[in-house]
Structures are given as structure tokens and as C-alpha cells.
Amino acid sequence: MLAESSEAQSRIDTLEELILSRLDDDKAQDIVFIDLKGKSPVADGLIVASGRSHRHVGAMADHLLRTLKEEGYGRVRVEGLPHCDWVLIDTGDVIIHLFRPEVRSFYNIEKIWSVEPPAQRAVN
């Protein structure tokens, strides 16, 4: 059982590295990885990145989908591709949000999953 857990974690780590590398290659801006292990049963990781325009967001999503398929992660779900303001790619273990900067700042989804800033934590 421990070996299965270790193999699954290795697969998730490889997937995260693949996604982050692809986004870096595509010049994604403000890439943020949020570790959701133990915080949510929905996924193990959340990646948020911005593109400069509708076209850039769409191209990043297309390249990421192609890369995932080539690497054997082809069964992903995608939302938002026609408009490319906010594209969500759900791989099952990792969820990717690609935004135009204005849309990203409006929804501010990183704040939902972030921990309280150190300066504001209550001191016991």
C-alpha cells in the first residue's frame, strides 16, 4: 500500500513539473503553485498563471493540452477555451487556471487557498 502511495505521489510530482515547465516555456506570467495536499479532496495541486492576451492564454492552453496528451495524461477536462479569458484545465490531480491579468485580479482565486499572511497571524 505504501508503494502504491509512493508511486502515485511520484506521478503527481512528475505531472506538476511537466505543467510548470510547459508554462515557463510558453512565457506564462506570475506562475503560482499551491499545494492542496491535506487541504482539499478535489486535487493535490493548483497552478495559476497569466497570459498577456486572449491569444496568449489560448496558445498556452493548447500547448499544455498537447503536452499532457503526448505524455499520457490525455483524459483532461477543459473549460473556457472559446473565450480564453479564463481557461481551466483539470487533470484530476492538478488543476490549472490560465487567466488574462485583468480577469485574474478580479477573481483572485489564489486568496481562497492561501494561508493567512505571517504578520496577521494571532500570537498565542
Protein backbone atom coordinates (compact mmCIF):
# COMPACT_ATOMS: atom_id res chain seq x y z
CA MET A 1 0.00 0.00 0.00
CA LEU A 2 2.85 2.37 0.84
CA ALA A 3 4.48 1.57 -2.51
CA GLU A 4 1.24 2.46 -4.34
CA SER A 5 1.07 5.76 -2.44
CA SER A 6 4.70 6.49 -3.28
CA GLU A 7 4.13 5.70 -6.96
CA ALA A 8 1.04 7.91 -7.07
CA GLN A 9 2.93 10.77 -5.43
CA SER A 10 5.79 10.36 -7.90
CA ARG A 11 3.31 10.53 -10.79
CA ILE A 12 1.74 13.70 -9.36
CA ASP A 13 5.17 15.31 -8.85
CA THR A 14 6.10 14.47 -12.45
CA LEU A 15 2.81 15.96 -13.67
CA GLU A 16 3.37 19.17 -11.69
CA GLU A 17 6.90 19.53 -13.08
CA LEU A 18 5.67 18.90 -16.63
CA ILE A 19 2.97 21.58 -16.34
CA LEU A 20 5.25 24.16 -14.74
CA SER A 21 7.95 23.54 -17.35
CA ARG A 22 5.48 23.89 -20.24
CA LEU A 23 4.08 27.13 -18.82
CA ASP A 24 7.59 28.51 -18.35
CA ASP A 25 8.46 27.59 -21.96
CA ASP A 26 5.34 29.44 -23.13
CA LYS A 27 6.33 32.58 -21.19
CA ALA A 28 3.41 32.40 -18.77
CA GLN A 29 3.44 35.25 -16.27
CA ASP A 30 3.12 35.16 -12.49
CA ILE A 31 3.04 31.36 -12.19
CA VAL A 32 1.88 30.24 -8.74
CA PHE A 33 1.76 26.67 -7.45
CA ILE A 34 -0.48 25.98 -4.46
CA ASP A 35 -0.09 22.66 -2.67
CA LEU A 36 -3.56 21.34 -1.81
CA LYS A 37 -2.48 18.06 -0.24
CA GLY A 38 -4.42 17.76 3.00
CA LYS A 39 -6.43 20.92 2.25
CA SER A 40 -8.85 19.64 -0.37
CA PRO A 41 -10.05 16.30 -1.71
CA VAL A 42 -10.56 17.91 -5.14
CA ALA A 43 -6.90 17.91 -6.21
CA ASP A 44 -3.34 17.70 -4.91
CA GLY A 45 -2.16 20.89 -6.56
CA LEU A 46 -3.40 24.10 -8.10
CA ILE A 47 -1.43 26.09 -10.66
CA VAL A 48 -2.40 29.64 -11.58
CA ALA A 49 -0.75 31.60 -14.39
CA SER A 50 -1.44 34.61 -16.58
CA GLY A 51 -1.11 35.25 -20.28
CA ARG A 52 -0.71 38.65 -21.89
CA SER A 53 -3.80 38.39 -24.12
CA HIS A 54 -6.67 36.12 -25.20
CA ARG A 55 -4.39 34.68 -27.87
CA HIS A 56 -1.56 34.03 -25.40
CA VAL A 57 -3.89 32.30 -22.91
CA GLY A 58 -5.37 30.17 -25.72
CA ALA A 59 -1.93 29.21 -27.04
CA MET A 60 -0.69 28.26 -23.57
CA ALA A 61 -3.77 26.10 -23.02
CA ASP A 62 -3.40 24.44 -26.43
CA HIS A 63 0.30 23.71 -25.90
CA LEU A 64 -0.36 22.38 -22.41
CA LEU A 65 -3.14 20.09 -23.65
CA ARG A 66 -0.90 18.73 -26.42
CA THR A 67 1.96 18.13 -23.99
CA LEU A 68 -0.32 16.38 -21.49
CA LYS A 69 -1.68 14.13 -24.23
CA GLU A 70 1.81 13.30 -25.55
CA GLU A 71 2.95 12.37 -22.03
CA GLY A 72 -0.03 10.08 -21.38
CA TYR A 73 -2.25 12.47 -19.42
CA GLY A 74 -4.77 12.82 -22.24
CA ARG A 75 -8.00 12.47 -20.25
CA VAL A 76 -8.23 16.04 -19.02
CA ARG A 77 -11.27 18.31 -18.79
CA VAL A 78 -11.16 21.84 -20.18
CA GLU A 79 -13.41 24.86 -19.70
CA GLY A 80 -13.19 28.34 -21.18
CA LEU A 81 -11.26 27.72 -24.39
CA PRO A 82 -13.56 29.59 -26.80
CA HIS A 83 -13.18 32.93 -24.98
CA CYS A 84 -9.75 32.47 -23.36
CA ASP A 85 -10.34 34.96 -20.55
CA TRP A 86 -10.04 32.13 -18.02
CA VAL A 87 -9.17 28.60 -19.09
CA LEU A 88 -9.45 25.82 -16.54
CA ILE A 89 -7.68 22.52 -17.19
CA ASP A 90 -8.47 19.70 -14.76
CA THR A 91 -6.06 16.76 -14.92
CA GLY A 92 -7.62 15.10 -11.88
CA ASP A 93 -4.58 15.50 -9.64
CA VAL A 94 -3.63 19.05 -10.64
CA ILE A 95 -5.94 21.89 -11.65
CA ILE A 96 -4.56 24.65 -13.87
CA HIS A 97 -6.11 28.11 -14.15
CA LEU A 98 -4.88 30.30 -17.03
CA PHE A 99 -6.06 33.90 -16.95
CA ARG A 100 -5.76 37.22 -18.66
CA PRO A 101 -4.30 39.55 -15.97
CA GLU A 102 -7.48 41.62 -15.54
CA VAL A 103 -9.62 38.53 -15.05
CA ARG A 104 -7.12 37.01 -12.63
CA SER A 105 -7.05 40.10 -10.44
CA PHE A 106 -10.86 40.26 -10.44
CA TYR A 107 -11.38 36.65 -9.25
CA ASN A 108 -8.23 36.47 -7.09
CA ILE A 109 -8.53 32.71 -6.62
CA GLU A 110 -5.10 32.44 -5.00
CA LYS A 111 -6.56 34.17 -1.95
CA ILE A 112 -9.11 31.36 -1.49
CA TRP A 113 -6.35 28.78 -0.99
CA SER A 114 -3.66 30.90 0.63
CA VAL A 115 -2.72 30.79 4.24
CA GLU A 116 -3.02 33.83 6.43
CA PRO A 117 -0.05 36.20 5.97
CA PRO A 118 2.54 35.78 8.78
CA ALA A 119 2.17 39.38 10.01
CA GLN A 120 -1.56 38.91 10.63
CA ARG A 121 -1.45 35.62 12.50
CA ALA A 122 -2.59 35.71 16.09
CA VAL A 123 0.17 35.23 18.61
CA ASN A 124 -0.75 32.82 21.41
